[in-house]
């Protein structure tokens, strides 16, 4: 192991013509390679080369020398922490580290990453990562977690804690572990750490195939035929559910759907989750729902406004508020709708746990049942990868196996 060497120097070749000052730098040498970190600037006539300090003749010599001492100590400590992570650390890694104040403490790194997600308006990812780090913080029970402390044994114990103490299922646990893995991987990559420093390199976290609840067309018709008054709180929940059943559009996009997104034959939106455009042809029952919404507006003496919501559920225009506020009001509205859908299921005698996402699953499953091409279904659902869509084909394959097993038991 080669120890890094430090020396405070001035760089005469970097003299500024306008001020006649030169940078005072900490020169760091390791494995015969050198990097510099600028500490401050000064007129070279005030520099004591032998003493590596500002001469007493300078009016602010005491303050400047204190600054040099402080910054030098901080950088030496940073470099020391790097060598604790990996004693064969390169000068390039040291350079990256001292030019970026991000810590090798996972919590500090994670907090800066989460703050950046918030600034970028990625509030769904922001909330997920915030939850992940909160659980890890509660497990560690301290404010710091150097990545050197994150060993394979630590990760295995934490995985067990999530499942057996917190009560997370297999897939939620995997989501948490993969989020931590990303943070550690980013730290290793950002600072050119050897892959051997990454404790996740030998670990794999499994996912379990979850049952996707969906409705057969007969159950959808039961909900469709349920008689509800317009003033009934269940009315809008039923209409939203059926709208999703026949379009496959996510509930967040249906809630924020405006009349400007509706043409004579198509619904054209930019998906909130991905920002990608999506065009869905208007199905007959969807057309009926839209016509009823128009009639309701006109019956109350109003006119169709392109900027108004088709379903008047949200209490604010999500295009005019922050992304975080929009996420919160959409989540709240979705929770309220899901509560009402469970009451609807009870009324029509459906024993499945209804939610808005069941409608989207039902849409996809019905199309697979009718032998619609998977690529077409992928495009209608707005999936970026057909492998996500293939899950619905697997659901149908399972149904076929179950059907044959019924015959086997005759």
Foldseek 3Di string as FASTA:
>chain_A
DWDKDWAWDWDQVQQDPVPQKTFTWIWIDTPNDIDIDTQGIDNVVQADRVVSAGHPVDPCRVVRRVSVVVLVVVLSVQVVLVCVLPVVADVQLSVLCSVDVQDLWLLSLLVVVLVVCVVVLVVVVSVLSVVLVVLVCVVVVDDTDRLQNVALVNLVVVLCCCCPPVNDDLASSQSSSVSSQVSLVCSCVSSVNDPVSRRCPPDDRDDDLDDQAADDVVVLVLLVPDDDDPPDPLVLLSLLLNLCLAQLAASLCLQLQFQLQDDPFWGWDQHPNPRHIAITTQDPVNVVLQVVLQVVQVVVVHHRDRNAHSRNQQPDNCVPDRSNVSVVSSVVSQVVSQVSVQVSCVVSVNPDRDGSVNSSLHNLLVCVVVVNDLVVSCRSNVPPDSVVSCSSVVVVVVVVVVVVVVVVVD
